[in-house]
PDB file of N, CA and C in Angstrom:
ATOM      1  N   MET A   1       1.257  -0.963  -0.176  1.00  0.00           N
ATOM      2  CA  MET A   1       0.441   0.360   0.241  1.00  0.00           C
ATOM      3  C   MET A   1       1.055   1.210  -0.036  1.00  0.00           C
ATOM      4  N   ASN A   2       0.255   2.294  -0.947  1.00  0.00           N
ATOM      5  CA  ASN A   2       1.218   3.860  -0.402  1.00  0.00           C
ATOM      6  C   ASN A   2       0.394   4.015   0.754  1.00  0.00           C
ATOM      7  N   GLY A   3       1.507   5.713   0.996  1.00  0.00           N
ATOM      8  CA  GLY A   3       0.624   6.876   1.885  1.00  0.00           C
ATOM      9  C   GLY A   3      -0.688   7.161   1.910  1.00  0.00           C
ATOM     10  N   PRO A   4      -0.947   7.586   0.816  1.00  0.00           N
ATOM     11  CA  PRO A   4      -2.642   8.301   0.672  1.00  0.00           C
ATOM     12  C   PRO A   4      -3.701   6.276   1.085  1.00  0.00           C
ATOM     13  N   LEU A   5      -3.441   5.830   0.917  1.00  0.00           N
ATOM     14  CA  LEU A   5      -4.148   4.533   1.354  1.00  0.00           C
ATOM     15  C   LEU A   5      -4.066   4.382   1.947  1.00  0.00           C
ATOM     16  N   ASP A   6      -2.481   4.051   2.772  1.00  0.00           N
ATOM     17  CA  ASP A   6      -2.671   4.010   4.085  1.00  0.00           C
ATOM     18  C   ASP A   6      -3.831   4.830   5.084  1.00  0.00           C
ATOM     19  N   LEU A   7      -3.504   6.447   5.103  1.00  0.00           N
ATOM     20  CA  LEU A   7      -4.346   7.185   5.198  1.00  0.00           C
ATOM     21  C   LEU A   7      -5.868   7.121   5.541  1.00  0.00           C
ATOM     22  N   ARG A   8      -6.054   6.457   4.362  1.00  0.00           N
ATOM     23  CA  ARG A   8      -7.177   6.582   3.892  1.00  0.00           C
ATOM     24  C   ARG A   8      -8.700   5.007   4.573  1.00  0.00           C
ATOM     25  N   VAL A   9      -7.361   4.904   4.894  1.00  0.00           N
ATOM     26  CA  VAL A   9      -7.508   2.726   5.489  1.00  0.00           C
ATOM     27  C   VAL A   9      -8.242   3.246   7.080  1.00  0.00           C
ATOM     28  N   LEU A  10      -7.049   4.773   7.493  1.00  0.00           N
ATOM     29  CA  LEU A  10      -7.397   4.792   8.773  1.00  0.00           C
ATOM     30  C   LEU A  10      -8.336   5.475   8.962  1.00  0.00           C
ATOM     31  N   VAL A  11      -8.161   6.704   7.761  1.00  0.00           N
ATOM     32  CA  VAL A  11      -9.832   7.481   8.490  1.00  0.00           C
ATOM     33  C   VAL A  11     -10.942   6.824   8.321  1.00  0.00           C
ATOM     34  N   LEU A  12     -11.418   5.683   7.526  1.00  0.00           N
ATOM     35  CA  LEU A  12     -12.455   4.989   7.423  1.00  0.00           C
ATOM     36  C   LEU A  12     -12.898   4.419   8.416  1.00  0.00           C
ATOM     37  N   LEU A  13     -11.325   3.834   9.053  1.00  0.00           N
ATOM     38  CA  LEU A  13     -11.202   2.822  10.626  1.00  0.00           C
ATOM     39  C   LEU A  13     -12.191   3.479  11.734  1.00  0.00           C
ATOM     40  N   LEU A  14     -11.937   4.448  11.773  1.00  0.00           N
ATOM     41  CA  LEU A  14     -12.277   5.575  12.606  1.00  0.00           C
ATOM     42  C   LEU A  14     -13.621   6.032  12.423  1.00  0.00           C
ATOM     43  N   ALA A  15     -13.579   6.062  11.315  1.00  0.00           N
ATOM     44  CA  ALA A  15     -15.241   6.263  11.297  1.00  0.00           C
ATOM     45  C   ALA A  15     -16.064   5.413  11.135  1.00  0.00           C
ATOM     46  N   SER A  16     -15.751   4.157  10.893  1.00  0.00           N
ATOM     47  CA  SER A  16     -16.932   2.716  11.843  1.00  0.00           C
ATOM     48  C   SER A  16     -16.602   2.420  12.498  1.00  0.00           C
ATOM     49  N   VAL A  17     -15.571   2.386  13.663  1.00  0.00           N
ATOM     50  CA  VAL A  17     -15.487   2.560  15.080  1.00  0.00           C
ATOM     51  C   VAL A  17     -16.183   3.491  16.036  1.00  0.00           C
ATOM     52  N   VAL A  18     -16.368   5.510  15.211  1.00  0.00           N
ATOM     53  CA  VAL A  18     -18.041   5.987  16.070  1.00  0.00           C
ATOM     54  C   VAL A  18     -19.238   5.880  15.461  1.00  0.00           C
ATOM     55  N   VAL A  19     -19.373   5.409  14.768  1.00  0.00           N
ATOM     56  CA  VAL A  19     -20.766   3.989  13.411  1.00  0.00           C
ATOM     57  C   VAL A  19     -21.296   3.302  14.732  1.00  0.00           C
ATOM     58  N   GLY A  20     -20.041   2.437  14.802  1.00  0.00           N
ATOM     59  CA  GLY A  20     -20.558   1.357  15.688  1.00  0.00           C
ATOM     60  C   GLY A  20     -20.377   1.717  17.344  1.00  0.00           C
ATOM     61  N   TYR A  21     -20.039   2.571  17.842  1.00  0.00           N
ATOM     62  CA  TYR A  21     -19.683   3.216  19.123  1.00  0.00           C
ATOM     63  C   TYR A  21     -21.480   3.299  19.211  1.00  0.00           C
ATOM     64  N   ILE A  22     -21.773   4.868  18.463  1.00  0.00           N
ATOM     65  CA  ILE A  22     -23.474   5.161  17.755  1.00  0.00           C
ATOM     66  C   ILE A  22     -23.833   4.023  18.024  1.00  0.00           C
ATOM     67  N   ALA A  23     -23.918   3.170  17.194  1.00  0.00           N
ATOM     68  CA  ALA A  23     -24.648   2.217  17.055  1.00  0.00           C
ATOM     69  C   ALA A  23     -24.884   1.609  18.112  1.00  0.00           C
ATOM     70  N   TYR A  24     -24.362   1.088  19.556  1.00  0.00           N
ATOM     71  CA  TYR A  24     -24.403   0.153  20.206  1.00  0.00           C
ATOM     72  C   TYR A  24     -24.751   0.829  21.679  1.00  0.00           C
ATOM     73  N   MET A  25     -24.742   1.957  21.583  1.00  0.00           N
ATOM     74  CA  MET A  25     -25.470   3.316  22.411  1.00  0.00           C
ATOM     75  C   MET A  25     -26.730   3.512  22.310  1.00  0.00           C
ATOM     76  N   HIS A  26     -27.413   3.328  21.088  1.00  0.00           N
ATOM     77  CA  HIS A  26     -28.370   3.622  20.481  1.00  0.00           C
ATOM     78  C   HIS A  26     -28.904   2.418  19.520  1.00  0.00           C
ATOM     79  N   PRO A  27     -28.820   1.590  19.994  1.00  0.00           N
ATOM     80  CA  PRO A  27     -29.687   0.305  18.948  1.00  0.00           C
ATOM     81  C   PRO A  27     -31.159   1.035  18.170  1.00  0.00           C
ATOM     82  N   ALA A  28     -31.530   1.771  18.177  1.00  0.00           N
ATOM     83  CA  ALA A  28     -32.651   2.560  18.068  1.00  0.00           C
ATOM     84  C   ALA A  28     -32.105   3.147  16.130  1.00  0.00           C
ATOM     85  N   ALA A  29     -30.504   3.559  15.759  1.00  0.00           N
ATOM     86  CA  ALA A  29     -30.287   4.100  14.896  1.00  0.00           C
ATOM     87  C   ALA A  29     -30.068   2.470  14.174  1.00  0.00           C
ATOM     88  N   GLY A  30     -29.943   1.692  14.169  1.00  0.00           N
ATOM     89  CA  GLY A  30     -29.820   0.910  12.755  1.00  0.00           C
ATOM     90  C   GLY A  30     -29.881   0.806  11.257  1.00  0.00           C
ATOM     91  N   GLY A  31     -30.883   1.572  11.277  1.00  0.00           N
ATOM     92  CA  GLY A  31     -31.147   2.101   9.957  1.00  0.00           C
ATOM     93  C   GLY A  31     -30.157   3.383   9.787  1.00  0.00           C
ATOM     94  N   ALA A  32     -30.026   4.023  10.652  1.00  0.00           N
ATOM     95  CA  ALA A  32     -28.712   5.240  10.702  1.00  0.00           C
ATOM     96  C   ALA A  32     -27.275   4.582   9.961  1.00  0.00           C
ATOM     97  N   VAL A  33     -27.183   3.542  10.197  1.00  0.00           N
ATOM     98  CA  VAL A  33     -26.006   2.240  10.646  1.00  0.00           C
ATOM     99  C   VAL A  33     -25.896   1.649   8.995  1.00  0.00           C
ATOM    100  N   VAL A  34     -27.240   1.181   9.198  1.00  0.00           N
ATOM    101  CA  VAL A  34     -27.305   1.038   7.815  1.00  0.00           C
ATOM    102  C   VAL A  34     -26.219   1.175   6.274  1.00  0.00           C
ATOM    103  N   VAL A  35     -27.081   2.968   6.600  1.00  0.00           N
ATOM    104  CA  VAL A  35     -26.815   4.017   5.624  1.00  0.00           C
ATOM    105  C   VAL A  35     -25.254   4.448   5.548  1.00  0.00           C
ATOM    106  N   ALA A  36     -25.400   4.926   6.876  1.00  0.00           N
ATOM    107  CA  ALA A  36     -23.205   4.731   6.559  1.00  0.00           C
ATOM    108  C   ALA A  36     -22.437   4.216   6.444  1.00  0.00           C
ATOM    109  N   THR A  37     -22.456   2.801   6.333  1.00  0.00           N
ATOM    110  CA  THR A  37     -21.841   2.140   6.257  1.00  0.00           C
ATOM    111  C   THR A  37     -21.612   1.454   4.549  1.00  0.00           C
ATOM    112  N   THR A  38     -22.753   1.942   3.927  1.00  0.00           N
ATOM    113  CA  THR A  38     -23.184   2.138   2.487  1.00  0.00           C
ATOM    114  C   THR A  38     -22.261   3.392   1.877  1.00  0.00           C
ATOM    115  N   VAL A  39     -22.419   4.407   2.482  1.00  0.00           N
ATOM    116  CA  VAL A  39     -21.822   5.303   2.250  1.00  0.00           C
ATOM    117  C   VAL A  39     -20.436   5.080   2.180  1.00  0.00           C
ATOM    118  N   VAL A  40     -19.841   5.113   4.046  1.00  0.00           N
ATOM    119  CA  VAL A  40     -18.255   5.131   3.688  1.00  0.00           C
ATOM    120  C   VAL A  40     -18.080   3.463   2.810  1.00  0.00           C
ATOM    121  N   THR A  41     -18.765   2.703   2.072  1.00  0.00           N
ATOM    122  CA  THR A  41     -18.313   1.693   0.801  1.00  0.00           C
ATOM    123  C   THR A  41     -17.774   2.455   0.176  1.00  0.00           C
ATOM    124  N   LEU A  42     -19.228   2.978  -0.884  1.00  0.00           N
ATOM    125  CA  LEU A  42     -18.941   3.721  -2.335  1.00  0.00           C
ATOM    126  C   LEU A  42     -17.835   4.851  -1.904  1.00  0.00           C
ATOM    127  N   LEU A  43     -17.575   5.326  -0.647  1.00  0.00           N
ATOM    128  CA  LEU A  43     -17.188   6.741  -1.306  1.00  0.00           C
ATOM    129  C   LEU A  43     -15.431   5.964  -1.473  1.00  0.00           C
ATOM    130  N   TYR A  44     -14.930   4.435  -0.084  1.00  0.00           N
ATOM    131  CA  TYR A  44     -13.354   3.687  -0.585  1.00  0.00           C
ATOM    132  C   TYR A  44     -13.575   3.297  -1.940  1.00  0.00           C
ATOM    133  N   LEU A  45     -14.954   2.974  -2.360  1.00  0.00           N
ATOM    134  CA  LEU A  45     -14.331   2.171  -3.659  1.00  0.00           C
ATOM    135  C   LEU A  45     -14.287   3.817  -4.233  1.00  0.00           C
ATOM    136  N   LEU A  46     -14.876   4.780  -4.331  1.00  0.00           N
ATOM    137  CA  LEU A  46     -14.039   5.726  -5.375  1.00  0.00           C
ATOM    138  C   LEU A  46     -12.709   6.007  -4.655  1.00  0.00           C
ATOM    139  N   MET A  47     -12.795   5.994  -4.161  1.00  0.00           N
ATOM    140  CA  MET A  47     -10.728   6.563  -3.858  1.00  0.00           C
ATOM    141  C   MET A  47      -9.583   4.949  -3.775  1.00  0.00           C
ATOM    142  N   GLY A  48     -10.505   4.529  -4.006  1.00  0.00           N
ATOM    143  CA  GLY A  48      -9.520   3.816  -3.695  1.00  0.00           C
ATOM    144  C   GLY A  48      -9.805   3.465  -5.640  1.00  0.00           C
ATOM    145  N   THR A  49     -10.578   3.738  -7.285  1.00  0.00           N
ATOM    146  CA  THR A  49     -10.470   3.541  -8.258  1.00  0.00           C
ATOM    147  C   THR A  49      -9.969   5.211  -8.468  1.00  0.00           C
ATOM    148  N   GLY A  50     -10.080   5.645  -8.089  1.00  0.00           N
ATOM    149  CA  GLY A  50     -10.109   7.405  -9.292  1.00  0.00           C
ATOM    150  C   GLY A  50     -10.621   7.699  -9.840  1.00  0.00           C
ATOM    151  N   GLY A  51     -12.732   7.097  -8.912  1.00  0.00           N
ATOM    152  CA  GLY A  51     -14.058   7.768  -9.035  1.00  0.00           C
ATOM    153  C   GLY A  51     -14.661   6.953 -11.240  1.00  0.00           C
ATOM    154  N   SER A  52     -13.809   5.965 -11.597  1.00  0.00           N
ATOM    155  CA  SER A  52     -13.991   5.329 -12.971  1.00  0.00           C
ATOM    156  C   SER A  52     -14.398   3.727 -13.013  1.00  0.00           C
ATOM    157  N   GLY A  53     -14.093   3.853 -11.692  1.00  0.00           N
ATOM    158  CA  GLY A  53     -14.809   1.889 -11.710  1.00  0.00           C
ATOM    159  C   GLY A  53     -13.355   1.354 -12.053  1.00  0.00           C
ATOM    160  N   SER A  54     -11.944   1.493 -12.603  1.00  0.00           N
ATOM    161  CA  SER A  54     -11.576   0.648 -12.935  1.00  0.00           C
ATOM    162  C   SER A  54     -10.126   0.835 -12.131  1.00  0.00           C
ATOM    163  N   PRO A  55      -9.486  -0.063 -12.504  1.00  0.00           N
ATOM    164  CA  PRO A  55      -7.987   0.320 -11.270  1.00  0.00           C
ATOM    165  C   PRO A  55      -7.624   1.534 -11.393  1.00  0.00           C
ATOM    166  N   PRO A  56      -6.760   1.839 -10.381  1.00  0.00           N
ATOM    167  CA  PRO A  56      -5.736   3.302 -10.671  1.00  0.00           C
ATOM    168  C   PRO A  56      -4.682   2.525 -11.470  1.00  0.00           C
ATOM    169  N   PRO A  57      -3.877   3.380 -12.075  1.00  0.00           N
ATOM    170  CA  PRO A  57      -3.509   3.605 -12.940  1.00  0.00           C
ATOM    171  C   PRO A  57      -1.704   3.535 -12.250  1.00  0.00           C
ATOM    172  N   ARG A  58      -0.446   2.458 -12.718  1.00  0.00           N
ATOM    173  CA  ARG A  58       0.357   2.487 -12.099  1.00  0.00           C
ATOM    174  C   ARG A  58       1.198   3.298 -12.796  1.00  0.00           C
TER     175      ARG A  58
END
């Protein structure tokens, strides 16, 4: 992994920990957790591919 990807993974992990904590403290927020997980997954995919859907050039 290169430098920027490592930082992105760290940011996404931090976001998932925060969302997980909120879901633990407020179980009724389950729907919001699903939406947040979907958004984080899409952002990860877009950041990893450059937004074009194909692998980034080497």
